[in-house]
Amino acid sequence: MRVVVVEDDDDVGDALVEVLSEQGFEVDRKSRGADLLLTHRNYDAVILDLGLPDADGLQVLRQLREVSTIPVLILTARDDERTIVRGLRGGADDYLVKPPRIGELVARLELATKRSATMSGPALTEVVTGDVRVDLVTREVVAGGVVVVLTQKEFDLVEALVERPGAAMSREYLMDRVWGDAFMAVSRSLDVHISTLRAKIGRPGLITTIRGFGYRWGI
């Protein structure tokens, strides 16, 4: 399991990396919330401190939940009930107060990841919408029996959109999936790629704009 520890205190962070590595985890450490938001897709779980130098951990959690369901275990010195409730309601899978008991930390981490794996279900291999077929294994789109030639980024975008056909996908989620940065200042790349996809596939209405939110694949 690949775990990222987001902790700005060197002593605490290094100690967590050491003990979790001894327990068989593959562990990296980040000291800023922004680093987590840019790299979370490389990991299976997050251990998140709330006192970060660039942003409050609860804010980082909210931003992360806009783009990812990765298991998050908050580990912090804050032990007041209000913060605990805010953390759990904000999307954390669990909440522990420092200093943690290592056995309990490992058990809660394993439980959160197992729960996440159970909820995710089997991976899609093909999505068919009308006469448009998306093969997620061969990375091929066929419209009306004709193969649509797409760039890597264009197919990455299709892949993200068809994860949940008919559901609205936020701009932040799509930018995170395709460009690795949900909060980049300039997001015109997404709009340009959507426009190109619509032209190449040639099926008006297949990709719908959800004003102020994002895009949807299918009806």
Foldseek 3Di string as FASTA:
>chain_A
DEEEEAAQDPVVQVVVCVVVVVVPYRYHYHQALQVCLLPVVVGQEYEYEQDGDPHGRLVSLLLSVLADLRAYEYEYQDDDPVVLVSNVVSRHQYYHYPPDDVVVVVVSRVVRSVVVVVVVDDADQWDDAPQWIQGNVVLWIAHPNRTQDDDPLLSQLVVVQVRPAPDFRFQLNSCCRRVSGSDDPDSVVVVVSVVVVCVRNVDPPQWAADPPGGIHGHD
